[in-house]
Amino acid sequence: MRELVELIAKALVDNPDQVEVNMVEGEKSVILELKVAPEDMGKVIGKQGRIAKAIRTLVKAAALKEGKKVVVEIL
């Protein structure tokens, strides 16, 4: 899941070298923290949060196979 978020984010931004994904794992949940350059924040969030919502939907679908709850935070 971490690689999926990183791959999507790098494809969207102008500075792919500044994309960083941290994974905080709990017993039943996983938090993925996505950090991008400040000027790329709008590209990752999208108009009215549509791109961010799409990223979260894809990650949740991938997480269903593992039986875990995943939360994607954009920092």
N, C-alpha and C. Protein backbone atom coordinates (compact mmCIF):
# COMPACT_ATOMS: atom_id res chain seq x y z
N MET A 1 0.83 -1.20 0.00
CA MET A 1 0.00 0.00 0.00
C MET A 1 0.87 1.25 0.00
N ARG A 2 1.96 1.19 0.73
CA ARG A 2 2.87 2.34 0.79
C ARG A 2 3.42 2.65 -0.61
N GLU A 3 3.79 1.60 -1.32
CA GLU A 3 4.34 1.78 -2.66
C GLU A 3 3.29 2.33 -3.62
N LEU A 4 2.04 1.91 -3.43
CA LEU A 4 0.95 2.39 -4.28
C LEU A 4 0.76 3.90 -4.12
N VAL A 5 0.72 4.37 -2.88
CA VAL A 5 0.56 5.80 -2.62
C VAL A 5 1.75 6.58 -3.17
N GLU A 6 2.94 6.05 -2.98
CA GLU A 6 4.15 6.72 -3.46
C GLU A 6 4.15 6.81 -4.98
N LEU A 7 3.77 5.74 -5.66
CA LEU A 7 3.73 5.71 -7.12
C LEU A 7 2.73 6.72 -7.67
N ILE A 8 1.55 6.77 -7.09
CA ILE A 8 0.52 7.71 -7.54
C ILE A 8 0.96 9.15 -7.31
N ALA A 9 1.50 9.42 -6.13
CA ALA A 9 1.91 10.79 -5.78
C ALA A 9 3.04 11.26 -6.68
N LYS A 10 4.00 10.41 -6.95
CA LYS A 10 5.13 10.80 -7.80
C LYS A 10 4.68 11.10 -9.23
N ALA A 11 3.64 10.43 -9.69
CA ALA A 11 3.12 10.67 -11.03
C ALA A 11 2.39 12.02 -11.12
N LEU A 12 1.88 12.51 -10.00
CA LEU A 12 1.08 13.73 -9.99
C LEU A 12 1.89 15.01 -9.82
N VAL A 13 3.00 14.95 -9.10
CA VAL A 13 3.70 16.17 -8.68
C VAL A 13 4.81 16.57 -9.64
N ASP A 14 5.28 17.83 -9.48
CA ASP A 14 6.41 18.33 -10.27
C ASP A 14 7.75 17.95 -9.64
N ASN A 15 7.76 17.71 -8.33
CA ASN A 15 8.99 17.36 -7.62
C ASN A 15 8.87 15.96 -7.03
N PRO A 16 9.00 14.91 -7.85
CA PRO A 16 8.81 13.55 -7.34
C PRO A 16 9.86 13.13 -6.31
N ASP A 17 11.03 13.80 -6.32
CA ASP A 17 12.06 13.45 -5.36
C ASP A 17 11.72 13.89 -3.94
N GLN A 18 10.74 14.79 -3.79
CA GLN A 18 10.34 15.27 -2.46
C GLN A 18 9.12 14.54 -1.90
N VAL A 19 8.66 13.51 -2.61
CA VAL A 19 7.53 12.72 -2.12
C VAL A 19 8.04 11.74 -1.07
N GLU A 20 7.37 11.73 0.07
CA GLU A 20 7.76 10.85 1.17
C GLU A 20 6.50 10.24 1.78
N VAL A 21 6.52 8.92 1.95
CA VAL A 21 5.38 8.22 2.54
C VAL A 21 5.87 7.47 3.78
N ASN A 22 5.32 7.85 4.93
CA ASN A 22 5.64 7.16 6.19
C ASN A 22 4.47 6.27 6.56
N MET A 23 4.79 5.09 7.08
CA MET A 23 3.75 4.13 7.44
C MET A 23 3.79 3.88 8.94
N VAL A 24 2.66 4.14 9.60
CA VAL A 24 2.53 3.88 11.03
C VAL A 24 1.54 2.74 11.17
N GLU A 25 2.02 1.60 11.68
CA GLU A 25 1.19 0.40 11.72
C GLU A 25 0.70 0.12 13.13
N GLY A 26 -0.60 -0.13 13.24
CA GLY A 26 -1.20 -0.55 14.50
C GLY A 26 -1.65 -2.00 14.38
N GLU A 27 -2.47 -2.45 15.33
CA GLU A 27 -2.92 -3.83 15.30
C GLU A 27 -3.87 -4.09 14.13
N LYS A 28 -4.87 -3.23 13.98
CA LYS A 28 -5.86 -3.44 12.91
C LYS A 28 -5.90 -2.31 11.91
N SER A 29 -5.09 -1.27 12.12
CA SER A 29 -5.14 -0.14 11.20
C SER A 29 -3.73 0.30 10.81
N VAL A 30 -3.67 0.97 9.69
CA VAL A 30 -2.41 1.49 9.17
C VAL A 30 -2.64 2.96 8.78
N ILE A 31 -1.72 3.81 9.17
CA ILE A 31 -1.79 5.22 8.79
C ILE A 31 -0.65 5.49 7.82
N LEU A 32 -0.99 6.00 6.64
CA LEU A 32 0.01 6.38 5.65
C LEU A 32 0.07 7.89 5.61
N GLU A 33 1.23 8.45 5.92
CA GLU A 33 1.42 9.90 5.92
C GLU A 33 2.14 10.28 4.64
N LEU A 34 1.48 11.04 3.80
CA LEU A 34 2.04 11.47 2.52
C LEU A 34 2.53 12.90 2.64
N LYS A 35 3.82 13.10 2.40
CA LYS A 35 4.40 14.45 2.44
C LYS A 35 4.90 14.80 1.05
N VAL A 36 4.52 15.99 0.58
CA VAL A 36 4.98 16.48 -0.72
C VAL A 36 5.48 17.91 -0.55
N ALA A 37 6.12 18.44 -1.58
CA ALA A 37 6.58 19.82 -1.56
C ALA A 37 5.36 20.75 -1.45
N PRO A 38 5.52 21.88 -0.76
CA PRO A 38 4.38 22.79 -0.57
C PRO A 38 3.71 23.23 -1.88
N GLU A 39 4.50 23.43 -2.93
CA GLU A 39 3.92 23.87 -4.21
C GLU A 39 3.17 22.74 -4.92
N ASP A 40 3.38 21.50 -4.51
CA ASP A 40 2.69 20.36 -5.11
C ASP A 40 1.45 19.92 -4.33
N MET A 41 1.17 20.57 -3.22
CA MET A 41 0.06 20.17 -2.36
C MET A 41 -1.27 20.21 -3.11
N GLY A 42 -1.50 21.24 -3.90
CA GLY A 42 -2.74 21.37 -4.65
C GLY A 42 -2.93 20.27 -5.68
N LYS A 43 -1.83 19.81 -6.25
CA LYS A 43 -1.92 18.75 -7.26
C LYS A 43 -2.30 17.42 -6.64
N VAL A 44 -1.89 17.19 -5.41
CA VAL A 44 -2.20 15.94 -4.74
C VAL A 44 -3.63 15.96 -4.19
N ILE A 45 -4.07 17.13 -3.74
CA ILE A 45 -5.42 17.25 -3.18
C ILE A 45 -6.46 17.36 -4.30
N GLY A 46 -6.20 18.16 -5.31
CA GLY A 46 -7.13 18.31 -6.43
C GLY A 46 -8.27 19.25 -6.11
N LYS A 47 -9.06 19.56 -7.12
CA LYS A 47 -10.21 20.45 -6.93
C LYS A 47 -11.23 19.78 -6.03
N GLN A 48 -11.60 20.48 -4.97
CA GLN A 48 -12.57 20.00 -3.98
C GLN A 48 -12.16 18.64 -3.39
N GLY A 49 -10.86 18.35 -3.40
CA GLY A 49 -10.36 17.12 -2.77
C GLY A 49 -10.62 15.86 -3.56
N ARG A 50 -10.89 15.99 -4.85
CA ARG A 50 -11.24 14.81 -5.65
C ARG A 50 -10.09 13.83 -5.80
N ILE A 51 -8.89 14.34 -6.05
CA ILE A 51 -7.74 13.44 -6.23
C ILE A 51 -7.39 12.76 -4.92
N ALA A 52 -7.42 13.51 -3.82
CA ALA A 52 -7.14 12.92 -2.50
C ALA A 52 -8.16 11.82 -2.19
N LYS A 53 -9.41 12.07 -2.51
CA LYS A 53 -10.46 11.07 -2.26
C LYS A 53 -10.23 9.83 -3.13
N ALA A 54 -9.81 10.03 -4.37
CA ALA A 54 -9.54 8.90 -5.26
C ALA A 54 -8.36 8.06 -4.75
N ILE A 55 -7.32 8.73 -4.26
CA ILE A 55 -6.17 8.01 -3.70
C ILE A 55 -6.61 7.17 -2.50
N ARG A 56 -7.41 7.78 -1.63
CA ARG A 56 -7.89 7.07 -0.44
C ARG A 56 -8.76 5.86 -0.82
N THR A 57 -9.59 6.02 -1.86
CA THR A 57 -10.45 4.93 -2.31
C THR A 57 -9.62 3.76 -2.84
N LEU A 58 -8.60 4.06 -3.63
CA LEU A 58 -7.73 3.00 -4.16
C LEU A 58 -6.99 2.26 -3.06
N VAL A 59 -6.51 3.00 -2.08
CA VAL A 59 -5.76 2.39 -0.99
C VAL A 59 -6.69 1.54 -0.12
N LYS A 60 -7.90 2.01 0.11
CA LYS A 60 -8.85 1.22 0.90
C LYS A 60 -9.20 -0.08 0.19
N ALA A 61 -9.33 -0.03 -1.13
CA ALA A 61 -9.62 -1.24 -1.89
C ALA A 61 -8.47 -2.23 -1.80
N ALA A 62 -7.25 -1.73 -1.84
CA ALA A 62 -6.08 -2.61 -1.71
C ALA A 62 -5.97 -3.17 -0.30
N ALA A 63 -6.41 -2.40 0.70
CA ALA A 63 -6.31 -2.83 2.09
C ALA A 63 -7.34 -3.90 2.44
N LEU A 64 -8.43 -3.95 1.70
CA LEU A 64 -9.46 -4.97 1.97
C LEU A 64 -8.89 -6.38 1.85
N LYS A 65 -7.94 -6.56 0.95
CA LYS A 65 -7.33 -7.88 0.76
C LYS A 65 -6.56 -8.31 2.00
N GLU A 66 -6.00 -7.33 2.71
CA GLU A 66 -5.22 -7.63 3.91
C GLU A 66 -6.06 -7.59 5.18
N GLY A 67 -7.29 -7.15 5.06
CA GLY A 67 -8.17 -7.09 6.22
C GLY A 67 -7.81 -6.01 7.22
N LYS A 68 -7.21 -4.94 6.74
CA LYS A 68 -6.83 -3.84 7.62
C LYS A 68 -7.54 -2.56 7.21
N LYS A 69 -7.65 -1.63 8.16
CA LYS A 69 -8.20 -0.32 7.87
C LYS A 69 -7.02 0.62 7.59
N VAL A 70 -7.12 1.36 6.51
CA VAL A 70 -6.04 2.26 6.13
C VAL A 70 -6.53 3.68 6.08
N VAL A 71 -5.73 4.58 6.64
CA VAL A 71 -6.04 6.00 6.62
C VAL A 71 -4.89 6.70 5.91
N VAL A 72 -5.19 7.52 4.90
CA VAL A 72 -4.16 8.28 4.18
C VAL A 72 -4.27 9.73 4.63
N GLU A 73 -3.17 10.23 5.20
CA GLU A 73 -3.12 11.63 5.63
C GLU A 73 -2.14 12.37 4.72
N ILE A 74 -2.57 13.52 4.22
CA ILE A 74 -1.70 14.33 3.37
C ILE A 74 -1.19 15.48 4.22
N LEU A 75 0.12 15.50 4.40
CA LEU A 75 0.75 16.52 5.27
C LEU A 75 1.48 17.57 4.44
